[in-house]
N, C-alpha and C. Protein backbone atom coordinates (compact mmCIF):
# COMPACT_ATOMS: atom_id res chain seq x y z
N UNK A 1 1.43 -62.50 -70.78
CA UNK A 1 2.56 -63.16 -71.42
C UNK A 1 2.86 -62.48 -72.78
N UNK A 2 4.14 -62.24 -73.09
CA UNK A 2 4.59 -61.72 -74.36
C UNK A 2 4.37 -62.87 -75.39
N UNK A 3 3.39 -62.67 -76.25
CA UNK A 3 3.06 -63.77 -77.21
C UNK A 3 3.80 -63.57 -78.55
N UNK A 4 4.02 -62.29 -78.98
CA UNK A 4 4.59 -62.03 -80.29
C UNK A 4 5.32 -60.68 -80.25
N UNK A 5 6.44 -60.67 -80.91
CA UNK A 5 7.26 -59.46 -81.03
C UNK A 5 7.55 -59.24 -82.54
N UNK A 6 7.24 -58.04 -83.03
CA UNK A 6 7.45 -57.76 -84.40
C UNK A 6 8.38 -56.53 -84.48
N UNK A 7 9.43 -56.60 -85.30
CA UNK A 7 10.38 -55.48 -85.41
C UNK A 7 10.69 -55.19 -86.84
N UNK A 8 10.67 -53.90 -87.23
CA UNK A 8 10.96 -53.46 -88.59
C UNK A 8 11.96 -52.30 -88.59
N UNK A 9 13.02 -52.46 -89.28
CA UNK A 9 14.06 -51.42 -89.51
C UNK A 9 14.57 -50.82 -88.20
N UNK A 10 14.89 -51.74 -87.32
CA UNK A 10 15.48 -51.36 -86.00
C UNK A 10 16.93 -51.76 -85.97
N UNK A 11 17.85 -50.86 -86.01
CA UNK A 11 19.27 -51.14 -85.99
C UNK A 11 19.61 -52.11 -87.18
N UNK A 12 20.18 -53.23 -86.81
CA UNK A 12 20.56 -54.18 -87.92
C UNK A 12 19.50 -55.10 -88.34
N UNK A 13 18.34 -54.95 -87.70
CA UNK A 13 17.19 -55.89 -88.08
C UNK A 13 16.33 -55.18 -89.09
N UNK A 14 16.16 -55.75 -90.25
CA UNK A 14 15.33 -55.18 -91.33
C UNK A 14 13.89 -55.58 -90.94
N UNK A 15 13.65 -56.87 -90.66
CA UNK A 15 12.30 -57.36 -90.40
C UNK A 15 12.38 -58.64 -89.64
N UNK A 16 11.72 -58.70 -88.53
CA UNK A 16 11.68 -59.88 -87.76
C UNK A 16 10.39 -60.03 -87.00
N UNK A 17 9.81 -61.25 -87.04
CA UNK A 17 8.60 -61.54 -86.31
C UNK A 17 8.81 -62.82 -85.50
N UNK A 18 8.74 -62.65 -84.13
CA UNK A 18 9.01 -63.76 -83.27
C UNK A 18 7.81 -64.18 -82.52
N UNK A 19 7.46 -65.42 -82.48
CA UNK A 19 6.33 -65.95 -81.73
C UNK A 19 6.85 -66.69 -80.51
N UNK A 20 6.23 -66.48 -79.44
CA UNK A 20 6.66 -67.10 -78.23
C UNK A 20 5.48 -68.05 -77.74
N UNK A 21 5.93 -69.03 -76.94
CA UNK A 21 4.91 -69.96 -76.30
C UNK A 21 5.30 -70.09 -74.81
N UNK A 22 4.71 -71.04 -74.20
CA UNK A 22 4.90 -71.15 -72.74
C UNK A 22 6.21 -71.78 -72.38
N UNK A 23 6.94 -72.24 -73.36
CA UNK A 23 8.23 -72.97 -73.12
C UNK A 23 9.32 -71.89 -72.95
N UNK A 24 10.49 -72.38 -72.57
CA UNK A 24 11.65 -71.54 -72.37
C UNK A 24 12.26 -71.17 -73.72
N UNK A 25 12.59 -69.88 -73.86
CA UNK A 25 13.10 -69.43 -75.18
C UNK A 25 14.51 -68.81 -74.98
N UNK A 26 15.38 -69.14 -75.81
CA UNK A 26 16.75 -68.70 -75.65
C UNK A 26 17.18 -68.01 -77.05
N UNK A 27 17.75 -66.79 -76.95
CA UNK A 27 18.35 -66.18 -78.14
C UNK A 27 19.86 -66.32 -78.10
N UNK A 28 20.46 -66.87 -79.04
CA UNK A 28 21.92 -67.03 -79.13
C UNK A 28 22.50 -66.52 -80.39
N UNK A 29 23.78 -66.29 -80.40
CA UNK A 29 24.40 -65.74 -81.59
C UNK A 29 25.67 -64.90 -81.27
N UNK A 30 26.47 -64.82 -82.26
CA UNK A 30 27.74 -64.18 -82.06
C UNK A 30 27.52 -62.65 -81.82
N UNK A 31 28.56 -61.93 -81.37
CA UNK A 31 28.45 -60.53 -81.14
C UNK A 31 28.08 -59.77 -82.50
N UNK A 32 27.02 -58.95 -82.35
CA UNK A 32 26.61 -58.18 -83.56
C UNK A 32 25.47 -58.85 -84.28
N UNK A 33 24.99 -59.95 -83.80
CA UNK A 33 23.95 -60.70 -84.53
C UNK A 33 22.60 -60.02 -84.31
N UNK A 34 22.46 -59.26 -83.22
CA UNK A 34 21.23 -58.51 -83.04
C UNK A 34 20.51 -58.92 -81.76
N UNK A 35 21.12 -59.62 -80.84
CA UNK A 35 20.47 -60.10 -79.58
C UNK A 35 20.04 -58.90 -78.76
N UNK A 36 20.94 -57.87 -78.67
CA UNK A 36 20.63 -56.72 -77.80
C UNK A 36 19.56 -55.82 -78.48
N UNK A 37 19.44 -55.94 -79.83
CA UNK A 37 18.39 -55.18 -80.53
C UNK A 37 17.03 -55.71 -80.23
N UNK A 38 16.93 -57.00 -79.97
CA UNK A 38 15.60 -57.55 -79.54
C UNK A 38 15.22 -57.06 -78.17
N UNK A 39 16.27 -56.99 -77.31
CA UNK A 39 16.02 -56.50 -76.00
C UNK A 39 15.71 -55.00 -76.05
N UNK A 40 16.34 -54.25 -76.99
CA UNK A 40 16.02 -52.90 -77.16
C UNK A 40 14.65 -52.69 -77.72
N UNK A 41 14.22 -53.55 -78.60
CA UNK A 41 12.84 -53.53 -79.09
C UNK A 41 11.85 -53.66 -78.03
N UNK A 42 12.09 -54.64 -77.13
CA UNK A 42 11.21 -54.86 -75.98
C UNK A 42 11.13 -53.58 -75.06
N UNK A 43 12.34 -53.03 -74.88
CA UNK A 43 12.42 -51.80 -74.12
C UNK A 43 11.57 -50.67 -74.67
N UNK A 44 11.57 -50.57 -76.02
CA UNK A 44 10.88 -49.53 -76.66
C UNK A 44 9.37 -49.60 -76.40
N UNK A 45 8.82 -50.81 -76.46
CA UNK A 45 7.38 -50.93 -76.23
C UNK A 45 7.05 -50.85 -74.72
N UNK A 46 8.11 -50.85 -73.93
CA UNK A 46 7.93 -50.77 -72.41
C UNK A 46 8.11 -49.34 -72.03
N UNK A 47 8.22 -48.46 -72.96
CA UNK A 47 8.35 -46.95 -72.62
C UNK A 47 9.71 -46.42 -72.44
N UNK A 48 10.73 -47.25 -72.62
CA UNK A 48 12.14 -46.76 -72.43
C UNK A 48 12.48 -45.71 -73.53
N UNK A 49 13.43 -44.85 -73.17
CA UNK A 49 13.85 -43.79 -74.13
C UNK A 49 14.42 -44.41 -75.40
N UNK A 50 14.09 -43.85 -76.52
CA UNK A 50 14.57 -44.34 -77.80
C UNK A 50 15.29 -43.21 -78.52
N UNK A 51 16.21 -43.62 -79.39
CA UNK A 51 17.01 -42.67 -80.09
C UNK A 51 16.86 -42.82 -81.59
N UNK A 52 16.99 -41.77 -82.26
CA UNK A 52 16.94 -41.92 -83.80
C UNK A 52 18.00 -42.76 -84.40
N UNK A 53 19.15 -42.87 -83.59
CA UNK A 53 20.20 -43.70 -84.04
C UNK A 53 19.88 -45.19 -84.11
N UNK A 54 18.73 -45.56 -83.56
CA UNK A 54 18.31 -46.95 -83.61
C UNK A 54 17.57 -47.30 -84.92
N UNK A 55 17.19 -46.23 -85.64
CA UNK A 55 16.55 -46.48 -86.94
C UNK A 55 17.47 -47.02 -87.94
N UNK A 56 17.11 -48.04 -88.62
CA UNK A 56 18.02 -48.63 -89.65
C UNK A 56 18.40 -47.60 -90.70
N UNK A 57 19.74 -47.56 -91.10
CA UNK A 57 20.25 -46.64 -92.04
C UNK A 57 19.47 -46.56 -93.24
N UNK A 58 18.98 -45.42 -93.69
CA UNK A 58 18.27 -45.24 -94.94
C UNK A 58 16.80 -45.41 -94.80
N UNK A 59 16.27 -45.62 -93.63
CA UNK A 59 14.83 -45.86 -93.44
C UNK A 59 14.30 -44.63 -92.75
N UNK A 60 13.00 -44.30 -92.98
CA UNK A 60 12.34 -43.22 -92.38
C UNK A 60 11.92 -43.46 -90.83
N UNK A 61 11.60 -44.73 -90.57
CA UNK A 61 11.23 -45.00 -89.21
C UNK A 61 11.45 -46.51 -88.89
N UNK A 62 11.44 -46.84 -87.59
CA UNK A 62 11.53 -48.13 -87.09
C UNK A 62 10.17 -48.40 -86.37
N UNK A 63 9.69 -49.58 -86.43
CA UNK A 63 8.41 -49.96 -85.82
C UNK A 63 8.53 -51.26 -84.98
N UNK A 64 8.14 -51.13 -83.74
CA UNK A 64 8.13 -52.34 -82.84
C UNK A 64 6.78 -52.53 -82.26
N UNK A 65 6.26 -53.75 -82.46
CA UNK A 65 4.95 -54.09 -82.00
C UNK A 65 5.00 -55.35 -81.20
N UNK A 66 4.31 -55.31 -80.05
CA UNK A 66 4.36 -56.47 -79.12
C UNK A 66 2.86 -56.86 -78.76
N UNK A 67 2.62 -58.15 -78.84
CA UNK A 67 1.26 -58.70 -78.43
C UNK A 67 1.40 -59.38 -77.13
N UNK A 68 0.52 -59.03 -76.21
CA UNK A 68 0.54 -59.62 -74.85
C UNK A 68 -0.84 -60.34 -74.72
N UNK A 69 -0.81 -61.52 -74.13
CA UNK A 69 -2.09 -62.24 -73.82
C UNK A 69 -2.10 -62.67 -72.34
N UNK A 70 -3.22 -63.18 -71.93
CA UNK A 70 -3.46 -63.66 -70.53
C UNK A 70 -3.01 -62.57 -69.56
N UNK A 71 -3.69 -61.41 -69.77
CA UNK A 71 -3.34 -60.29 -68.90
C UNK A 71 -3.81 -60.47 -67.49
N UNK A 72 -3.02 -60.12 -66.51
CA UNK A 72 -3.43 -60.24 -65.10
C UNK A 72 -4.25 -59.01 -64.70
N UNK A 73 -4.81 -59.12 -63.51
CA UNK A 73 -5.64 -58.03 -62.98
C UNK A 73 -4.98 -56.68 -62.84
N UNK A 74 -3.67 -56.76 -62.45
CA UNK A 74 -2.94 -55.53 -62.31
C UNK A 74 -2.85 -54.73 -63.58
N UNK A 75 -2.58 -55.52 -64.68
CA UNK A 75 -2.47 -54.87 -66.00
C UNK A 75 -3.83 -54.32 -66.43
N UNK A 76 -4.90 -55.03 -66.16
CA UNK A 76 -6.17 -54.59 -66.59
C UNK A 76 -6.66 -53.33 -65.81
N UNK A 77 -6.32 -53.35 -64.50
CA UNK A 77 -6.63 -52.24 -63.69
C UNK A 77 -5.93 -50.95 -64.14
N UNK A 78 -4.61 -51.16 -64.49
CA UNK A 78 -3.81 -50.01 -64.99
C UNK A 78 -4.33 -49.47 -66.32
N UNK A 79 -4.79 -50.40 -67.17
CA UNK A 79 -5.36 -49.92 -68.46
C UNK A 79 -6.63 -49.09 -68.23
N UNK A 80 -7.44 -49.62 -67.32
CA UNK A 80 -8.70 -48.87 -66.94
C UNK A 80 -8.33 -47.55 -66.37
N UNK A 81 -7.32 -47.49 -65.50
CA UNK A 81 -6.88 -46.26 -64.86
C UNK A 81 -6.54 -45.21 -65.90
N UNK A 82 -5.86 -45.59 -66.96
CA UNK A 82 -5.44 -44.75 -68.05
C UNK A 82 -6.44 -44.55 -69.15
N UNK A 83 -7.68 -45.12 -68.95
CA UNK A 83 -8.79 -44.91 -69.94
C UNK A 83 -8.80 -45.78 -71.12
N UNK A 84 -8.11 -46.94 -71.09
CA UNK A 84 -8.11 -47.84 -72.20
C UNK A 84 -8.98 -48.99 -71.87
N UNK A 85 -9.55 -49.60 -72.99
CA UNK A 85 -10.43 -50.76 -72.84
C UNK A 85 -9.58 -51.96 -72.36
N UNK A 86 -10.17 -52.72 -71.53
CA UNK A 86 -9.50 -54.04 -71.08
C UNK A 86 -10.07 -55.17 -71.78
N UNK A 87 -9.12 -55.92 -72.45
CA UNK A 87 -9.52 -57.07 -73.20
C UNK A 87 -8.51 -58.20 -72.85
N UNK A 88 -8.71 -59.35 -73.55
CA UNK A 88 -7.83 -60.50 -73.25
C UNK A 88 -6.45 -60.29 -73.87
N UNK A 89 -6.40 -59.40 -74.84
CA UNK A 89 -5.17 -59.19 -75.57
C UNK A 89 -4.73 -57.70 -75.52
N UNK A 90 -3.45 -57.45 -75.53
CA UNK A 90 -2.98 -56.08 -75.48
C UNK A 90 -1.88 -55.94 -76.62
N UNK A 91 -2.08 -54.91 -77.45
CA UNK A 91 -1.15 -54.68 -78.51
C UNK A 91 -0.42 -53.31 -78.26
N UNK A 92 0.85 -53.23 -78.13
CA UNK A 92 1.54 -51.99 -77.97
C UNK A 92 2.48 -51.83 -79.16
N UNK A 93 2.42 -50.64 -79.76
CA UNK A 93 3.19 -50.24 -80.94
C UNK A 93 4.05 -49.04 -80.61
N UNK A 94 5.29 -49.03 -80.95
CA UNK A 94 6.08 -47.87 -80.85
C UNK A 94 6.80 -47.67 -82.13
N UNK A 95 6.67 -46.43 -82.64
CA UNK A 95 7.32 -45.98 -83.86
C UNK A 95 8.38 -44.93 -83.57
N UNK A 96 9.58 -45.23 -84.11
CA UNK A 96 10.73 -44.32 -83.85
C UNK A 96 11.10 -43.70 -85.31
N UNK A 97 11.10 -42.37 -85.40
CA UNK A 97 11.39 -41.69 -86.68
C UNK A 97 12.78 -41.28 -86.76
N UNK A 98 13.30 -41.22 -87.95
CA UNK A 98 14.69 -40.80 -88.22
C UNK A 98 14.98 -39.39 -87.77
N UNK A 99 13.97 -38.57 -87.61
CA UNK A 99 14.17 -37.19 -87.11
C UNK A 99 14.22 -37.09 -85.61
N UNK A 100 14.11 -38.17 -84.89
CA UNK A 100 14.17 -38.19 -83.52
C UNK A 100 12.83 -38.32 -82.78
N UNK A 101 11.72 -38.14 -83.44
CA UNK A 101 10.40 -38.19 -82.80
C UNK A 101 10.05 -39.67 -82.70
N UNK A 102 9.03 -39.89 -81.81
CA UNK A 102 8.49 -41.21 -81.65
C UNK A 102 6.97 -41.12 -81.29
N UNK A 103 6.24 -42.15 -81.62
CA UNK A 103 4.85 -42.21 -81.26
C UNK A 103 4.52 -43.61 -80.64
N UNK A 104 3.50 -43.67 -79.89
CA UNK A 104 3.15 -45.01 -79.20
C UNK A 104 1.65 -45.13 -79.29
N UNK A 105 1.19 -46.43 -79.34
CA UNK A 105 -0.13 -46.75 -79.37
C UNK A 105 -0.44 -47.95 -78.51
N UNK A 106 -1.53 -47.95 -77.85
CA UNK A 106 -2.03 -49.07 -77.04
C UNK A 106 -3.38 -49.50 -77.68
N UNK A 107 -3.41 -50.69 -78.22
CA UNK A 107 -4.63 -51.24 -78.89
C UNK A 107 -5.12 -50.17 -79.92
N UNK A 108 -4.19 -49.63 -80.74
CA UNK A 108 -4.45 -48.69 -81.81
C UNK A 108 -4.78 -47.26 -81.34
N UNK A 109 -4.84 -47.06 -80.02
CA UNK A 109 -5.15 -45.67 -79.56
C UNK A 109 -3.83 -45.07 -79.05
N UNK A 110 -3.69 -43.74 -79.32
CA UNK A 110 -2.48 -42.99 -79.06
C UNK A 110 -2.15 -43.11 -77.46
N UNK A 111 -0.92 -43.22 -77.13
CA UNK A 111 -0.48 -43.25 -75.79
C UNK A 111 0.81 -42.50 -75.54
N UNK A 112 1.26 -42.25 -74.42
CA UNK A 112 2.60 -41.60 -74.17
C UNK A 112 3.56 -42.59 -73.69
N UNK A 113 4.81 -42.24 -73.77
CA UNK A 113 5.86 -43.14 -73.33
C UNK A 113 5.81 -43.31 -71.84
N UNK A 114 5.28 -42.34 -71.11
CA UNK A 114 5.16 -42.45 -69.64
C UNK A 114 4.17 -43.50 -69.32
N UNK A 115 3.04 -43.62 -70.15
CA UNK A 115 2.02 -44.59 -69.86
C UNK A 115 2.61 -45.93 -70.19
N UNK A 116 3.31 -46.06 -71.24
CA UNK A 116 3.98 -47.38 -71.63
C UNK A 116 4.94 -47.81 -70.50
N UNK A 117 5.68 -46.86 -69.93
CA UNK A 117 6.67 -47.16 -68.96
C UNK A 117 6.03 -47.76 -67.70
N UNK A 118 4.88 -47.07 -67.29
CA UNK A 118 4.18 -47.54 -66.08
C UNK A 118 3.51 -48.87 -66.31
N UNK A 119 2.95 -49.04 -67.54
CA UNK A 119 2.28 -50.27 -67.83
C UNK A 119 3.33 -51.34 -68.03
N UNK A 120 4.48 -51.00 -68.69
CA UNK A 120 5.49 -52.03 -68.98
C UNK A 120 6.04 -52.65 -67.79
N UNK A 121 6.08 -51.94 -66.61
CA UNK A 121 6.62 -52.49 -65.37
C UNK A 121 5.79 -53.67 -64.92
N UNK A 122 4.49 -53.81 -65.44
CA UNK A 122 3.64 -54.90 -65.05
C UNK A 122 3.67 -56.03 -66.05
N UNK A 123 4.34 -55.84 -67.20
CA UNK A 123 4.26 -56.74 -68.29
C UNK A 123 5.58 -57.61 -68.39
N UNK A 124 6.72 -56.97 -68.30
CA UNK A 124 8.00 -57.65 -68.51
C UNK A 124 8.99 -57.20 -67.51
N UNK A 125 9.81 -58.10 -67.04
CA UNK A 125 10.97 -57.84 -66.17
C UNK A 125 12.20 -58.15 -67.03
N UNK A 126 12.99 -57.09 -67.19
CA UNK A 126 14.26 -57.28 -67.87
C UNK A 126 15.42 -57.10 -66.83
N UNK A 127 16.14 -58.17 -66.73
CA UNK A 127 17.32 -58.18 -65.77
C UNK A 127 18.57 -58.15 -66.42
N UNK A 128 19.60 -57.32 -65.87
CA UNK A 128 20.90 -57.19 -66.42
C UNK A 128 21.95 -57.19 -65.34
N UNK A 129 23.19 -57.07 -65.70
CA UNK A 129 24.26 -57.16 -64.83
C UNK A 129 24.37 -55.91 -63.91
N UNK A 130 23.60 -54.90 -64.20
CA UNK A 130 23.62 -53.67 -63.43
C UNK A 130 22.33 -53.50 -62.59
N UNK A 131 21.59 -54.50 -62.43
CA UNK A 131 20.30 -54.51 -61.75
C UNK A 131 20.46 -53.87 -60.31
N UNK A 132 21.60 -54.11 -59.69
CA UNK A 132 21.80 -53.67 -58.32
C UNK A 132 21.73 -52.14 -58.13
N UNK A 133 21.91 -51.48 -59.34
CA UNK A 133 21.88 -49.98 -59.35
C UNK A 133 20.50 -49.45 -59.04
N UNK A 134 19.49 -50.26 -59.02
CA UNK A 134 18.18 -49.83 -58.71
C UNK A 134 18.11 -49.38 -57.28
N UNK A 135 19.01 -49.88 -56.40
CA UNK A 135 19.05 -49.48 -55.01
C UNK A 135 19.47 -48.04 -54.82
N UNK A 136 20.10 -47.49 -55.91
CA UNK A 136 20.54 -46.07 -55.88
C UNK A 136 19.47 -45.09 -56.34
N UNK A 137 18.28 -45.73 -56.85
CA UNK A 137 17.29 -44.87 -57.35
C UNK A 137 16.23 -44.56 -56.29
N UNK A 138 16.11 -43.34 -55.83
CA UNK A 138 15.14 -43.04 -54.77
C UNK A 138 13.70 -43.35 -55.12
N UNK A 139 13.42 -43.31 -56.47
CA UNK A 139 12.00 -43.60 -56.89
C UNK A 139 11.72 -45.06 -56.64
N UNK A 140 12.65 -45.89 -56.53
CA UNK A 140 12.38 -47.38 -56.36
C UNK A 140 12.33 -47.74 -54.88
N UNK A 141 12.82 -46.89 -53.90
CA UNK A 141 12.92 -47.31 -52.59
C UNK A 141 11.56 -47.72 -51.91
N UNK A 142 10.57 -46.92 -52.17
CA UNK A 142 9.28 -47.24 -51.57
C UNK A 142 8.66 -48.59 -52.08
N UNK A 143 8.83 -48.83 -53.35
CA UNK A 143 8.39 -50.15 -53.92
C UNK A 143 9.14 -51.31 -53.27
N UNK A 144 10.44 -51.07 -53.05
CA UNK A 144 11.30 -52.19 -52.51
C UNK A 144 10.80 -52.49 -51.02
N UNK A 145 10.53 -51.40 -50.21
CA UNK A 145 10.05 -51.54 -48.91
C UNK A 145 8.69 -52.25 -48.82
N UNK A 146 7.86 -51.76 -49.73
CA UNK A 146 6.44 -52.32 -49.73
C UNK A 146 6.48 -53.79 -50.11
N UNK A 147 7.33 -54.15 -51.09
CA UNK A 147 7.46 -55.54 -51.50
C UNK A 147 8.03 -56.41 -50.36
N UNK A 148 9.03 -55.89 -49.65
CA UNK A 148 9.64 -56.53 -48.48
C UNK A 148 8.68 -56.79 -47.43
N UNK A 149 7.74 -55.79 -47.22
CA UNK A 149 6.77 -55.82 -46.08
C UNK A 149 5.59 -56.66 -46.47
N UNK A 150 5.45 -57.05 -47.78
CA UNK A 150 4.33 -57.84 -48.29
C UNK A 150 2.97 -57.18 -47.89
N UNK A 151 2.84 -55.94 -48.32
CA UNK A 151 1.71 -55.14 -47.98
C UNK A 151 0.82 -54.84 -49.17
N UNK A 152 0.80 -55.75 -50.16
CA UNK A 152 0.08 -55.48 -51.34
C UNK A 152 -1.48 -55.31 -51.05
N UNK A 153 -2.00 -56.09 -50.12
CA UNK A 153 -3.43 -55.86 -49.78
C UNK A 153 -3.65 -54.53 -49.16
N UNK A 154 -2.85 -54.06 -48.35
CA UNK A 154 -3.00 -52.72 -47.71
C UNK A 154 -2.79 -51.66 -48.76
N UNK A 155 -1.94 -51.82 -49.72
CA UNK A 155 -1.73 -50.89 -50.84
C UNK A 155 -3.00 -50.77 -51.60
N UNK A 156 -3.65 -51.90 -51.99
CA UNK A 156 -4.89 -51.93 -52.72
C UNK A 156 -5.93 -51.15 -51.96
N UNK A 157 -6.08 -51.45 -50.60
CA UNK A 157 -7.08 -50.74 -49.82
C UNK A 157 -6.81 -49.28 -49.79
N UNK A 158 -5.56 -48.90 -49.68
CA UNK A 158 -5.22 -47.46 -49.65
C UNK A 158 -5.59 -46.85 -51.01
N UNK A 159 -5.21 -47.47 -52.13
CA UNK A 159 -5.54 -46.92 -53.42
C UNK A 159 -7.09 -46.76 -53.67
N UNK A 160 -7.89 -47.77 -53.20
CA UNK A 160 -9.31 -47.69 -53.27
C UNK A 160 -9.80 -46.51 -52.49
N UNK A 161 -9.33 -46.40 -51.26
CA UNK A 161 -9.76 -45.34 -50.37
C UNK A 161 -9.34 -43.96 -50.93
N UNK A 162 -8.18 -43.88 -51.52
CA UNK A 162 -7.68 -42.65 -52.06
C UNK A 162 -8.53 -42.22 -53.27
N UNK A 163 -8.94 -43.23 -54.17
CA UNK A 163 -9.86 -42.87 -55.23
C UNK A 163 -11.16 -42.41 -54.80
N UNK A 164 -11.69 -42.99 -53.65
CA UNK A 164 -12.98 -42.50 -53.16
C UNK A 164 -12.87 -41.09 -52.61
N UNK A 165 -11.70 -40.84 -51.96
CA UNK A 165 -11.40 -39.46 -51.46
C UNK A 165 -11.39 -38.48 -52.52
N UNK A 166 -10.67 -38.86 -53.71
CA UNK A 166 -10.60 -37.93 -54.84
C UNK A 166 -12.05 -37.66 -55.42
N UNK A 167 -12.82 -38.81 -55.47
CA UNK A 167 -14.18 -38.58 -56.04
C UNK A 167 -15.01 -37.70 -55.17
N UNK A 168 -14.96 -37.91 -53.81
CA UNK A 168 -15.68 -37.11 -52.85
C UNK A 168 -15.23 -35.61 -52.91
N UNK A 169 -13.92 -35.43 -53.07
CA UNK A 169 -13.40 -34.07 -53.13
C UNK A 169 -13.84 -33.35 -54.30
N UNK A 170 -13.92 -34.07 -55.51
CA UNK A 170 -14.47 -33.40 -56.68
C UNK A 170 -15.93 -33.08 -56.54
N UNK A 171 -16.73 -34.02 -55.92
CA UNK A 171 -18.13 -33.76 -55.67
C UNK A 171 -18.28 -32.50 -54.78
N UNK A 172 -17.47 -32.41 -53.65
CA UNK A 172 -17.59 -31.36 -52.77
C UNK A 172 -17.27 -30.02 -53.44
N UNK A 173 -16.26 -30.02 -54.27
CA UNK A 173 -15.87 -28.89 -55.03
C UNK A 173 -16.95 -28.42 -55.91
N UNK A 174 -17.65 -29.35 -56.63
CA UNK A 174 -18.73 -28.97 -57.48
C UNK A 174 -19.89 -28.40 -56.66
N UNK A 175 -20.19 -29.02 -55.47
CA UNK A 175 -21.28 -28.44 -54.68
C UNK A 175 -20.96 -27.10 -54.13
N UNK A 176 -19.71 -26.87 -53.67
CA UNK A 176 -19.39 -25.47 -53.26
C UNK A 176 -19.46 -24.44 -54.42
N UNK A 177 -19.05 -24.96 -55.52
CA UNK A 177 -19.07 -24.09 -56.69
C UNK A 177 -20.52 -23.74 -57.09
N UNK A 178 -21.37 -24.73 -56.98
CA UNK A 178 -22.79 -24.53 -57.30
C UNK A 178 -23.46 -23.54 -56.29
N UNK A 179 -23.10 -23.73 -55.03
CA UNK A 179 -23.59 -22.86 -53.98
C UNK A 179 -23.20 -21.35 -54.25
N UNK A 180 -21.90 -21.22 -54.60
CA UNK A 180 -21.46 -19.85 -54.84
C UNK A 180 -22.09 -19.31 -56.10
N UNK A 181 -22.41 -20.12 -57.05
CA UNK A 181 -23.09 -19.65 -58.24
C UNK A 181 -24.55 -19.27 -57.96
N UNK A 182 -25.20 -20.07 -57.08
CA UNK A 182 -26.56 -19.85 -56.63
C UNK A 182 -26.66 -18.51 -55.88
N UNK A 183 -25.65 -18.28 -54.96
CA UNK A 183 -25.67 -17.01 -54.19
C UNK A 183 -25.47 -15.82 -55.16
N UNK A 184 -24.61 -15.94 -56.10
CA UNK A 184 -24.27 -14.89 -57.02
C UNK A 184 -25.54 -14.60 -57.82
N UNK A 185 -26.30 -15.57 -58.33
CA UNK A 185 -27.50 -15.31 -59.08
C UNK A 185 -28.60 -14.70 -58.18
N UNK A 186 -28.61 -15.09 -56.88
CA UNK A 186 -29.71 -14.51 -56.03
C UNK A 186 -29.41 -13.07 -55.87
N UNK A 187 -28.12 -12.64 -55.66
CA UNK A 187 -27.81 -11.20 -55.57
C UNK A 187 -28.06 -10.48 -56.84
N UNK A 188 -27.80 -11.16 -57.92
CA UNK A 188 -28.08 -10.47 -59.23
C UNK A 188 -29.52 -10.29 -59.42
N UNK A 189 -30.41 -11.26 -59.10
CA UNK A 189 -31.83 -11.13 -59.31
C UNK A 189 -32.41 -10.14 -58.34
N UNK A 190 -31.92 -10.07 -57.06
CA UNK A 190 -32.38 -9.06 -56.11
C UNK A 190 -32.06 -7.71 -56.64
N UNK A 191 -30.90 -7.46 -57.17
CA UNK A 191 -30.48 -6.18 -57.69
C UNK A 191 -31.35 -5.81 -58.92
N UNK A 192 -31.69 -6.82 -59.73
CA UNK A 192 -32.55 -6.57 -60.87
C UNK A 192 -33.97 -6.09 -60.40
N UNK A 193 -34.50 -6.79 -59.40
CA UNK A 193 -35.84 -6.44 -58.87
C UNK A 193 -35.75 -5.06 -58.32
N UNK A 194 -34.65 -4.67 -57.56
CA UNK A 194 -34.53 -3.37 -56.96
C UNK A 194 -34.49 -2.37 -58.06
N UNK A 195 -33.68 -2.58 -59.11
CA UNK A 195 -33.57 -1.57 -60.20
C UNK A 195 -34.92 -1.34 -60.86
N UNK A 196 -35.67 -2.47 -61.09
CA UNK A 196 -36.99 -2.36 -61.72
C UNK A 196 -37.91 -1.56 -60.93
N UNK A 197 -37.90 -1.88 -59.49
CA UNK A 197 -38.70 -1.13 -58.56
C UNK A 197 -38.42 0.37 -58.53
N UNK A 198 -37.15 0.74 -58.70
CA UNK A 198 -36.77 2.18 -58.58
C UNK A 198 -37.32 2.90 -59.84
N UNK A 199 -37.63 2.16 -60.87
CA UNK A 199 -38.12 2.80 -62.10
C UNK A 199 -39.68 3.08 -61.88
N UNK A 200 -40.34 2.42 -60.93
CA UNK A 200 -41.71 2.58 -60.69
C UNK A 200 -42.57 2.43 -61.92
N UNK A 201 -42.50 1.32 -62.61
CA UNK A 201 -43.23 1.10 -63.80
C UNK A 201 -44.71 1.09 -63.59
N UNK A 202 -45.47 1.64 -64.50
CA UNK A 202 -46.94 1.71 -64.43
C UNK A 202 -47.56 0.88 -65.58
N UNK A 203 -48.85 0.46 -65.30
CA UNK A 203 -49.52 -0.33 -66.28
C UNK A 203 -49.74 0.47 -67.53
N UNK A 204 -49.52 -0.20 -68.74
CA UNK A 204 -49.73 0.43 -70.01
C UNK A 204 -48.70 1.59 -70.29
N UNK A 205 -47.70 1.61 -69.46
CA UNK A 205 -46.69 2.77 -69.70
C UNK A 205 -45.98 2.62 -71.02
N UNK A 206 -45.73 1.45 -71.42
CA UNK A 206 -45.00 1.14 -72.60
C UNK A 206 -45.87 1.74 -73.84
N UNK A 207 -47.17 1.59 -73.79
CA UNK A 207 -47.95 2.11 -74.84
C UNK A 207 -47.93 3.64 -74.82
């Protein structure tokens, strides 16, 4: 659950800190009040593309931080997959600079926008009037079919099997590499013995 959203110097918002609870929350206001900026801030921590134009005029950077609690197993598994520690709380920070650059952090550790995007799909669903356009995105077709077929258990089994396959493949590659290295060393040592034998060394010859 999104528990807290903090925004600094993003578009028309100089500073805002919003606390959420389990109840229904509504943002209201006239055009230009900043409702879409809040959604944009959520999008930033979810890995969506950000622009330097969103940085408040005269500021060096904008900062958006989101606190999530009560993480489900899918989120924890994804964090583990990307090498992040799994805890009961998740803090995602996105900084957008006036020169167009941006940085991201997950629990204070550097992360990429791609990681945020993949993780964000498990944290928040943002729906708009153009949601139907997802049907035109080939990247989404497989997920739609899997969801319709209700094959989540099969997908988990497949992912587990694939991870085991990757692990075995790495082990096999290491063993083959070790065998090749062993054969190379054997040839090297045999040649060394042969070269020494050709010299016909004698006892006390060095003296």
